[in-house]
Amino acid sequence: MVNPAIIILDVEFGAGADFKLIRKNEWFSIGGNANGTAKSEVASIGWIDGDFQYSTFKEGVWLNCTATGYVIFLGKKIEMPPYYKKISVIKP
């Protein structure tokens, strides 16, 4: 028995940033971070279901964004729940 052979080209890139509105100290500060990554299966080629097949952007292209933030006031740190959003850039 021969297993199907598939070659897949994945691409992933991302960017992130930290921000501080007021310099971090124990009395009062505000800050957070945000980042995003895009990932896609650009192309796949191989023997699938008894046939030679080729596809591009089979799963589409998705952008995953996350953000968090915090406030420190009089030594107490309050953090916001992480925000997550998945955005379709190219539909499959």
PDB file of N, CA and C in Angstrom:
ATOM      1  N   MET A   1       0.842  -1.181   0.000  1.00  0.00           N
ATOM      2  CA  MET A   1       0.000   0.000   0.000  1.00  0.00           C
ATOM      3  C   MET A   1       0.882   1.237   0.000  1.00  0.00           C
ATOM      4  N   VAL A   2       0.532   2.192  -0.836  1.00  0.00           N
ATOM      5  CA  VAL A   2       1.291   3.435  -0.957  1.00  0.00           C
ATOM      6  C   VAL A   2       0.466   4.563  -0.358  1.00  0.00           C
ATOM      7  N   ASN A   3       1.089   5.320   0.525  1.00  0.00           N
ATOM      8  CA  ASN A   3       0.410   6.476   1.121  1.00  0.00           C
ATOM      9  C   ASN A   3       0.416   7.635   0.136  1.00  0.00           C
ATOM     10  N   PRO A   4      -0.650   8.446   0.120  1.00  0.00           N
ATOM     11  CA  PRO A   4      -0.668   9.603  -0.785  1.00  0.00           C
ATOM     12  C   PRO A   4       0.441  10.590  -0.427  1.00  0.00           C
ATOM     13  N   ALA A   5       1.036  11.157  -1.434  1.00  0.00           N
ATOM     14  CA  ALA A   5       2.088  12.156  -1.232  1.00  0.00           C
ATOM     15  C   ALA A   5       1.523  13.525  -1.580  1.00  0.00           C
ATOM     16  N   ILE A   6       1.639  14.455  -0.643  1.00  0.00           N
ATOM     17  CA  ILE A   6       1.129  15.807  -0.861  1.00  0.00           C
ATOM     18  C   ILE A   6       2.215  16.793  -0.452  1.00  0.00           C
ATOM     19  N   ILE A   7       2.443  17.785  -1.281  1.00  0.00           N
ATOM     20  CA  ILE A   7       3.373  18.869  -0.951  1.00  0.00           C
ATOM     21  C   ILE A   7       2.531  20.113  -0.714  1.00  0.00           C
ATOM     22  N   ILE A   8       2.718  20.746   0.451  1.00  0.00           N
ATOM     23  CA  ILE A   8       1.932  21.925   0.822  1.00  0.00           C
ATOM     24  C   ILE A   8       2.878  23.090   1.095  1.00  0.00           C
ATOM     25  N   LEU A   9       2.570  24.246   0.529  1.00  0.00           N
ATOM     26  CA  LEU A   9       3.343  25.465   0.776  1.00  0.00           C
ATOM     27  C   LEU A   9       2.501  26.371   1.664  1.00  0.00           C
ATOM     28  N   ASP A  10       2.930  26.559   2.913  1.00  0.00           N
ATOM     29  CA  ASP A  10       2.251  27.443   3.867  1.00  0.00           C
ATOM     30  C   ASP A  10       3.024  28.748   3.988  1.00  0.00           C
ATOM     31  N   VAL A  11       2.305  29.829   4.163  1.00  0.00           N
ATOM     32  CA  VAL A  11       2.917  31.133   4.389  1.00  0.00           C
ATOM     33  C   VAL A  11       2.279  31.734   5.634  1.00  0.00           C
ATOM     34  N   GLU A  12       3.123  32.294   6.517  1.00  0.00           N
ATOM     35  CA  GLU A  12       2.629  32.950   7.720  1.00  0.00           C
ATOM     36  C   GLU A  12       3.467  34.189   7.975  1.00  0.00           C
ATOM     37  N   PHE A  13       2.815  35.295   8.285  1.00  0.00           N
ATOM     38  CA  PHE A  13       3.542  36.502   8.666  1.00  0.00           C
ATOM     39  C   PHE A  13       2.736  37.232   9.723  1.00  0.00           C
ATOM     40  N   GLY A  14       3.409  38.067  10.487  1.00  0.00           N
ATOM     41  CA  GLY A  14       2.710  38.762  11.555  1.00  0.00           C
ATOM     42  C   GLY A  14       3.404  40.046  11.950  1.00  0.00           C
ATOM     43  N   ALA A  15       2.700  40.807  12.753  1.00  0.00           N
ATOM     44  CA  ALA A  15       3.232  42.059  13.284  1.00  0.00           C
ATOM     45  C   ALA A  15       2.618  42.279  14.660  1.00  0.00           C
ATOM     46  N   GLY A  16       3.346  42.963  15.507  1.00  0.00           N
ATOM     47  CA  GLY A  16       2.841  43.242  16.844  1.00  0.00           C
ATOM     48  C   GLY A  16       3.350  44.573  17.342  1.00  0.00           C
ATOM     49  N   ALA A  17       2.690  45.099  18.357  1.00  0.00           N
ATOM     50  CA  ALA A  17       3.100  46.376  18.934  1.00  0.00           C
ATOM     51  C   ALA A  17       2.732  46.421  20.409  1.00  0.00           C
ATOM     52  N   ASP A  18       3.573  47.019  21.205  1.00  0.00           N
ATOM     53  CA  ASP A  18       3.286  47.322  22.601  1.00  0.00           C
ATOM     54  C   ASP A  18       3.052  48.826  22.690  1.00  0.00           C
ATOM     55  N   PHE A  19       2.068  49.228  23.458  1.00  0.00           N
ATOM     56  CA  PHE A  19       1.845  50.650  23.626  1.00  0.00           C
ATOM     57  C   PHE A  19       1.718  50.974  25.104  1.00  0.00           C
ATOM     58  N   LYS A  20       2.223  52.121  25.449  1.00  0.00           N
ATOM     59  CA  LYS A  20       2.130  52.626  26.816  1.00  0.00           C
ATOM     60  C   LYS A  20       1.726  54.085  26.726  1.00  0.00           C
ATOM     61  N   LEU A  21       0.552  54.393  27.232  1.00  0.00           N
ATOM     62  CA  LEU A  21       0.086  55.774  27.199  1.00  0.00           C
ATOM     63  C   LEU A  21       0.744  56.587  28.301  1.00  0.00           C
ATOM     64  N   ILE A  22       0.923  55.953  29.441  1.00  0.00           N
ATOM     65  CA  ILE A  22       1.600  56.604  30.558  1.00  0.00           C
ATOM     66  C   ILE A  22       2.670  55.642  31.036  1.00  0.00           C
ATOM     67  N   ARG A  23       3.875  56.135  31.237  1.00  0.00           N
ATOM     68  CA  ARG A  23       5.003  55.283  31.600  1.00  0.00           C
ATOM     69  C   ARG A  23       4.677  54.369  32.768  1.00  0.00           C
ATOM     70  N   LYS A  24       5.087  53.103  32.649  1.00  0.00           N
ATOM     71  CA  LYS A  24       4.743  52.104  33.657  1.00  0.00           C
ATOM     72  C   LYS A  24       5.373  52.431  35.010  1.00  0.00           C
ATOM     73  N   ASN A  25       4.516  52.548  36.018  1.00  0.00           N
ATOM     74  CA  ASN A  25       4.953  52.711  37.401  1.00  0.00           C
ATOM     75  C   ASN A  25       3.866  52.140  38.300  1.00  0.00           C
ATOM     76  N   GLU A  26       4.091  52.110  39.582  1.00  0.00           N
ATOM     77  CA  GLU A  26       3.143  51.480  40.513  1.00  0.00           C
ATOM     78  C   GLU A  26       1.956  52.373  40.870  1.00  0.00           C
ATOM     79  N   TRP A  27       2.021  53.665  40.549  1.00  0.00           N
ATOM     80  CA  TRP A  27       0.936  54.569  40.923  1.00  0.00           C
ATOM     81  C   TRP A  27      -0.126  54.664  39.843  1.00  0.00           C
ATOM     82  N   PHE A  28       0.293  54.885  38.614  1.00  0.00           N
ATOM     83  CA  PHE A  28      -0.686  54.985  37.522  1.00  0.00           C
ATOM     84  C   PHE A  28       0.009  54.768  36.188  1.00  0.00           C
ATOM     85  N   SER A  29      -0.512  53.845  35.425  1.00  0.00           N
ATOM     86  CA  SER A  29      -0.036  53.641  34.061  1.00  0.00           C
ATOM     87  C   SER A  29      -1.093  52.910  33.253  1.00  0.00           C
ATOM     88  N   ILE A  30      -1.013  53.087  31.948  1.00  0.00           N
ATOM     89  CA  ILE A  30      -1.932  52.462  31.011  1.00  0.00           C
ATOM     90  C   ILE A  30      -1.101  51.899  29.864  1.00  0.00           C
ATOM     91  N   GLY A  31      -1.419  50.698  29.457  1.00  0.00           N
ATOM     92  CA  GLY A  31      -0.679  50.114  28.344  1.00  0.00           C
ATOM     93  C   GLY A  31      -1.357  48.861  27.832  1.00  0.00           C
ATOM     94  N   GLY A  32      -0.704  48.216  26.881  1.00  0.00           N
ATOM     95  CA  GLY A  32      -1.233  46.986  26.318  1.00  0.00           C
ATOM     96  C   GLY A  32      -0.427  46.554  25.122  1.00  0.00           C
ATOM     97  N   ASN A  33      -0.926  45.549  24.434  1.00  0.00           N
ATOM     98  CA  ASN A  33      -0.268  45.127  23.209  1.00  0.00           C
ATOM     99  C   ASN A  33      -1.312  44.617  22.224  1.00  0.00           C
ATOM    100  N   ALA A  34      -0.928  44.631  20.969  1.00  0.00           N
ATOM    101  CA  ALA A  34      -1.785  44.142  19.891  1.00  0.00           C
ATOM    102  C   ALA A  34      -0.903  43.446  18.875  1.00  0.00           C
ATOM    103  N   ASN A  35      -1.412  42.380  18.307  1.00  0.00           N
ATOM    104  CA  ASN A  35      -0.663  41.708  17.250  1.00  0.00           C
ATOM    105  C   ASN A  35      -1.622  40.999  16.315  1.00  0.00           C
ATOM    106  N   GLY A  36      -1.112  40.691  15.160  1.00  0.00           N
ATOM    107  CA  GLY A  36      -1.904  39.993  14.166  1.00  0.00           C
ATOM    108  C   GLY A  36      -1.023  39.083  13.341  1.00  0.00           C
ATOM    109  N   THR A  37      -1.577  37.972  12.926  1.00  0.00           N
ATOM    110  CA  THR A  37      -0.865  37.059  12.039  1.00  0.00           C
ATOM    111  C   THR A  37      -1.802  36.648  10.916  1.00  0.00           C
ATOM    112  N   ALA A  38      -1.232  36.493   9.745  1.00  0.00           N
ATOM    113  CA  ALA A  38      -1.978  35.989   8.595  1.00  0.00           C
ATOM    114  C   ALA A  38      -1.325  34.677   8.185  1.00  0.00           C
ATOM    115  N   LYS A  39      -2.153  33.689   7.924  1.00  0.00           N
ATOM    116  CA  LYS A  39      -1.619  32.385   7.557  1.00  0.00           C
ATOM    117  C   LYS A  39      -2.491  31.791   6.469  1.00  0.00           C
ATOM    118  N   SER A  40      -1.858  31.113   5.521  1.00  0.00           N
ATOM    119  CA  SER A  40      -2.615  30.492   4.454  1.00  0.00           C
ATOM    120  C   SER A  40      -1.835  29.337   3.860  1.00  0.00           C
ATOM    121  N   GLU A  41      -2.578  28.360   3.389  1.00  0.00           N
ATOM    122  CA  GLU A  41      -1.999  27.297   2.570  1.00  0.00           C
ATOM    123  C   GLU A  41      -2.032  27.832   1.145  1.00  0.00           C
ATOM    124  N   VAL A  42      -0.892  28.303   0.657  1.00  0.00           N
ATOM    125  CA  VAL A  42      -0.837  28.956  -0.639  1.00  0.00           C
ATOM    126  C   VAL A  42      -1.103  27.962  -1.766  1.00  0.00           C
ATOM    127  N   ALA A  43      -0.466  26.801  -1.709  1.00  0.00           N
ATOM    128  CA  ALA A  43      -0.641  25.802  -2.768  1.00  0.00           C
ATOM    129  C   ALA A  43      -0.446  24.413  -2.197  1.00  0.00           C
ATOM    130  N   SER A  44      -1.170  23.455  -2.761  1.00  0.00           N
ATOM    131  CA  SER A  44      -0.945  22.055  -2.439  1.00  0.00           C
ATOM    132  C   SER A  44      -0.991  21.265  -3.745  1.00  0.00           C
ATOM    133  N   ILE A  45      -0.127  20.283  -3.819  1.00  0.00           N
ATOM    134  CA  ILE A  45      -0.021  19.474  -5.020  1.00  0.00           C
ATOM    135  C   ILE A  45       0.264  18.045  -4.588  1.00  0.00           C
ATOM    136  N   GLY A  46      -0.384  17.089  -5.218  1.00  0.00           N
ATOM    137  CA  GLY A  46      -0.115  15.704  -4.851  1.00  0.00           C
ATOM    138  C   GLY A  46      -1.175  14.736  -5.323  1.00  0.00           C
ATOM    139  N   TRP A  47      -1.018  13.515  -4.890  1.00  0.00           N
ATOM    140  CA  TRP A  47      -1.902  12.424  -5.249  1.00  0.00           C
ATOM    141  C   TRP A  47      -2.957  12.278  -4.165  1.00  0.00           C
ATOM    142  N   ILE A  48      -4.189  12.676  -4.452  1.00  0.00           N
ATOM    143  CA  ILE A  48      -5.270  12.669  -3.484  1.00  0.00           C
ATOM    144  C   ILE A  48      -6.458  11.913  -4.069  1.00  0.00           C
ATOM    145  N   ASP A  49      -6.981  10.961  -3.319  1.00  0.00           N
ATOM    146  CA  ASP A  49      -8.157  10.182  -3.736  1.00  0.00           C
ATOM    147  C   ASP A  49      -7.973   9.546  -5.114  1.00  0.00           C
ATOM    148  N   GLY A  50      -6.803   8.995  -5.378  1.00  0.00           N
ATOM    149  CA  GLY A  50      -6.545   8.287  -6.632  1.00  0.00           C
ATOM    150  C   GLY A  50      -6.351   9.175  -7.839  1.00  0.00           C
ATOM    151  N   ASP A  51      -6.130  10.464  -7.607  1.00  0.00           N
ATOM    152  CA  ASP A  51      -5.960  11.385  -8.729  1.00  0.00           C
ATOM    153  C   ASP A  51      -4.915  12.437  -8.364  1.00  0.00           C
ATOM    154  N   PHE A  52      -4.187  12.926  -9.366  1.00  0.00           N
ATOM    155  CA  PHE A  52      -3.222  13.990  -9.164  1.00  0.00           C
ATOM    156  C   PHE A  52      -3.979  15.308  -9.142  1.00  0.00           C
ATOM    157  N   GLN A  53      -3.852  16.069  -8.035  1.00  0.00           N
ATOM    158  CA  GLN A  53      -4.599  17.313  -7.883  1.00  0.00           C
ATOM    159  C   GLN A  53      -3.693  18.462  -7.481  1.00  0.00           C
ATOM    160  N   TYR A  54      -4.104  19.673  -7.835  1.00  0.00           N
ATOM    161  CA  TYR A  54      -3.388  20.890  -7.489  1.00  0.00           C
ATOM    162  C   TYR A  54      -4.422  21.934  -7.062  1.00  0.00           C
ATOM    163  N   SER A  55      -4.168  22.647  -5.965  1.00  0.00           N
ATOM    164  CA  SER A  55      -5.088  23.704  -5.545  1.00  0.00           C
ATOM    165  C   SER A  55      -4.313  24.880  -4.977  1.00  0.00           C
ATOM    166  N   THR A  56      -4.908  26.060  -5.096  1.00  0.00           N
ATOM    167  CA  THR A  56      -4.317  27.272  -4.513  1.00  0.00           C
ATOM    168  C   THR A  56      -5.320  27.894  -3.555  1.00  0.00           C
ATOM    169  N   PHE A  57      -4.825  28.402  -2.470  1.00  0.00           N
ATOM    170  CA  PHE A  57      -5.640  29.064  -1.438  1.00  0.00           C
ATOM    171  C   PHE A  57      -6.891  28.253  -1.096  1.00  0.00           C
ATOM    172  N   LYS A  58      -6.694  26.953  -0.907  1.00  0.00           N
ATOM    173  CA  LYS A  58      -7.800  26.033  -0.626  1.00  0.00           C
ATOM    174  C   LYS A  58      -8.585  26.450   0.620  1.00  0.00           C
ATOM    175  N   GLU A  59      -7.894  26.906   1.647  1.00  0.00           N
ATOM    176  CA  GLU A  59      -8.537  27.324   2.891  1.00  0.00           C
ATOM    177  C   GLU A  59      -8.753  28.829   2.949  1.00  0.00           C
ATOM    178  N   GLY A  60      -8.391  29.570   1.910  1.00  0.00           N
ATOM    179  CA  GLY A  60      -8.489  31.024   1.912  1.00  0.00           C
ATOM    180  C   GLY A  60      -7.339  31.640   2.703  1.00  0.00           C
ATOM    181  N   VAL A  61      -7.442  32.911   2.994  1.00  0.00           N
ATOM    182  CA  VAL A  61      -6.444  33.624   3.795  1.00  0.00           C
ATOM    183  C   VAL A  61      -7.167  34.257   4.973  1.00  0.00           C
ATOM    184  N   TRP A  62      -6.661  34.011   6.183  1.00  0.00           N
ATOM    185  CA  TRP A  62      -7.277  34.517   7.412  1.00  0.00           C
ATOM    186  C   TRP A  62      -6.289  35.386   8.167  1.00  0.00           C
ATOM    187  N   LEU A  63      -6.800  36.425   8.781  1.00  0.00           N
ATOM    188  CA  LEU A  63      -6.006  37.303   9.636  1.00  0.00           C
ATOM    189  C   LEU A  63      -6.516  37.136  11.060  1.00  0.00           C
ATOM    190  N   ASN A  64      -5.650  36.727  11.964  1.00  0.00           N
ATOM    191  CA  ASN A  64      -5.992  36.571  13.382  1.00  0.00           C
ATOM    192  C   ASN A  64      -5.439  37.765  14.148  1.00  0.00           C
ATOM    193  N   CYS A  65      -6.310  38.505  14.825  1.00  0.00           N
ATOM    194  CA  CYS A  65      -5.913  39.696  15.580  1.00  0.00           C
ATOM    195  C   CYS A  65      -6.183  39.480  17.068  1.00  0.00           C
ATOM    196  N   THR A  66      -5.247  39.857  17.906  1.00  0.00           N
ATOM    197  CA  THR A  66      -5.444  39.798  19.354  1.00  0.00           C
ATOM    198  C   THR A  66      -4.981  41.116  19.976  1.00  0.00           C
ATOM    199  N   ALA A  67      -5.614  41.463  21.084  1.00  0.00           N
ATOM    200  CA  ALA A  67      -5.233  42.685  21.807  1.00  0.00           C
ATOM    201  C   ALA A  67      -5.499  42.482  23.299  1.00  0.00           C
ATOM    202  N   THR A  68      -4.639  43.056  24.115  1.00  0.00           N
ATOM    203  CA  THR A  68      -4.827  43.062  25.561  1.00  0.00           C
ATOM    204  C   THR A  68      -4.455  44.449  26.077  1.00  0.00           C
ATOM    205  N   GLY A  69      -4.946  44.776  27.255  1.00  0.00           N
ATOM    206  CA  GLY A  69      -4.627  46.066  27.839  1.00  0.00           C
ATOM    207  C   GLY A  69      -4.677  45.998  29.356  1.00  0.00           C
ATOM    208  N   TYR A  70      -4.129  47.009  29.996  1.00  0.00           N
ATOM    209  CA  TYR A  70      -4.121  47.043  31.456  1.00  0.00           C
ATOM    210  C   TYR A  70      -4.102  48.489  31.945  1.00  0.00           C
ATOM    211  N   VAL A  71      -4.539  48.658  33.178  1.00  0.00           N
ATOM    212  CA  VAL A  71      -4.452  49.931  33.893  1.00  0.00           C
ATOM    213  C   VAL A  71      -3.898  49.608  35.275  1.00  0.00           C
ATOM    214  N   ILE A  72      -2.892  50.349  35.700  1.00  0.00           N
ATOM    215  CA  ILE A  72      -2.370  50.226  37.064  1.00  0.00           C
ATOM    216  C   ILE A  72      -2.723  51.520  37.798  1.00  0.00           C
ATOM    217  N   PHE A  73      -3.413  51.374  38.913  1.00  0.00           N
ATOM    218  CA  PHE A  73      -3.810  52.528  39.708  1.00  0.00           C
ATOM    219  C   PHE A  73      -3.577  52.218  41.178  1.00  0.00           C
ATOM    220  N   LEU A  74      -2.737  53.005  41.822  1.00  0.00           N
ATOM    221  CA  LEU A  74      -2.394  52.838  43.237  1.00  0.00           C
ATOM    222  C   LEU A  74      -1.951  51.408  43.551  1.00  0.00           C
ATOM    223  N   GLY A  75      -1.132  50.849  42.682  1.00  0.00           N
ATOM    224  CA  GLY A  75      -0.569  49.521  42.924  1.00  0.00           C
ATOM    225  C   GLY A  75      -1.468  48.363  42.527  1.00  0.00           C
ATOM    226  N   LYS A  76      -2.687  48.622  42.081  1.00  0.00           N
ATOM    227  CA  LYS A  76      -3.609  47.560  41.668  1.00  0.00           C
ATOM    228  C   LYS A  76      -3.632  47.502  40.143  1.00  0.00           C
ATOM    229  N   LYS A  77      -3.443  46.308  39.603  1.00  0.00           N
ATOM    230  CA  LYS A  77      -3.436  46.132  38.148  1.00  0.00           C
ATOM    231  C   LYS A  77      -4.771  45.535  37.702  1.00  0.00           C
ATOM    232  N   ILE A  78      -5.403  46.192  36.759  1.00  0.00           N
ATOM    233  CA  ILE A  78      -6.648  45.720  36.171  1.00  0.00           C
ATOM    234  C   ILE A  78      -6.369  45.417  34.701  1.00  0.00           C
ATOM    235  N   GLU A  79      -6.605  44.171  34.306  1.00  0.00           N
ATOM    236  CA  GLU A  79      -6.347  43.772  32.927  1.00  0.00           C
ATOM    237  C   GLU A  79      -7.662  43.517  32.206  1.00  0.00           C
ATOM    238  N   MET A  80      -7.714  43.937  30.955  1.00  0.00           N
ATOM    239  CA  MET A  80      -8.901  43.643  30.162  1.00  0.00           C
ATOM    240  C   MET A  80      -8.816  42.212  29.642  1.00  0.00           C
ATOM    241  N   PRO A  81      -9.946  41.561  29.444  1.00  0.00           N
ATOM    242  CA  PRO A  81      -9.897  40.216  28.871  1.00  0.00           C
ATOM    243  C   PRO A  81      -9.317  40.289  27.460  1.00  0.00           C
ATOM    244  N   PRO A  82      -8.564  39.288  27.045  1.00  0.00           N
ATOM    245  CA  PRO A  82      -7.993  39.325  25.692  1.00  0.00           C
ATOM    246  C   PRO A  82      -9.092  39.415  24.632  1.00  0.00           C
ATOM    247  N   TYR A  83      -8.861  40.264  23.649  1.00  0.00           N
ATOM    248  CA  TYR A  83      -9.784  40.425  22.530  1.00  0.00           C
ATOM    249  C   TYR A  83      -9.220  39.624  21.360  1.00  0.00           C
ATOM    250  N   TYR A  84     -10.061  38.855  20.701  1.00  0.00           N
ATOM    251  CA  TYR A  84      -9.622  38.043  19.566  1.00  0.00           C
ATOM    252  C   TYR A  84     -10.617  38.204  18.423  1.00  0.00           C
ATOM    253  N   LYS A  85     -10.110  38.367  17.213  1.00  0.00           N
ATOM    254  CA  LYS A  85     -10.965  38.491  16.042  1.00  0.00           C
ATOM    255  C   LYS A  85     -10.290  37.764  14.877  1.00  0.00           C
ATOM    256  N   LYS A  86     -11.056  36.943  14.169  1.00  0.00           N
ATOM    257  CA  LYS A  86     -10.569  36.249  12.986  1.00  0.00           C
ATOM    258  C   LYS A  86     -11.269  36.845  11.770  1.00  0.00           C
ATOM    259  N   ILE A  87     -10.491  37.376  10.827  1.00  0.00           N
ATOM    260  CA  ILE A  87     -11.031  38.091   9.679  1.00  0.00           C
ATOM    261  C   ILE A  87     -10.647  37.353   8.399  1.00  0.00           C
ATOM    262  N   SER A  88     -11.622  37.094   7.551  1.00  0.00           N
ATOM    263  CA  SER A  88     -11.369  36.447   6.265  1.00  0.00           C
ATOM    264  C   SER A  88     -10.889  37.508   5.282  1.00  0.00           C
ATOM    265  N   VAL A  89      -9.661  37.338   4.769  1.00  0.00           N
ATOM    266  CA  VAL A  89      -9.108  38.282   3.799  1.00  0.00           C
ATOM    267  C   VAL A  89      -9.425  37.799   2.381  1.00  0.00           C
ATOM    268  N   ILE A  90      -9.204  36.519   2.122  1.00  0.00           N
ATOM    269  CA  ILE A  90      -9.550  35.888   0.853  1.00  0.00           C
ATOM    270  C   ILE A  90     -10.382  34.651   1.178  1.00  0.00           C
ATOM    271  N   LYS A  91     -11.592  34.603   0.668  1.00  0.00           N
ATOM    272  CA  LYS A  91     -12.470  33.458   0.955  1.00  0.00           C
ATOM    273  C   LYS A  91     -12.025  32.249   0.144  1.00  0.00           C
ATOM    274  N   PRO A  92     -12.206  31.037   0.733  1.00  0.00           N
ATOM    275  CA  PRO A  92     -11.803  29.826   0.012  1.00  0.00           C
ATOM    276  C   PRO A  92     -12.616  29.602  -1.252  1.00  0.00           C
TER     277      PRO A  92
END
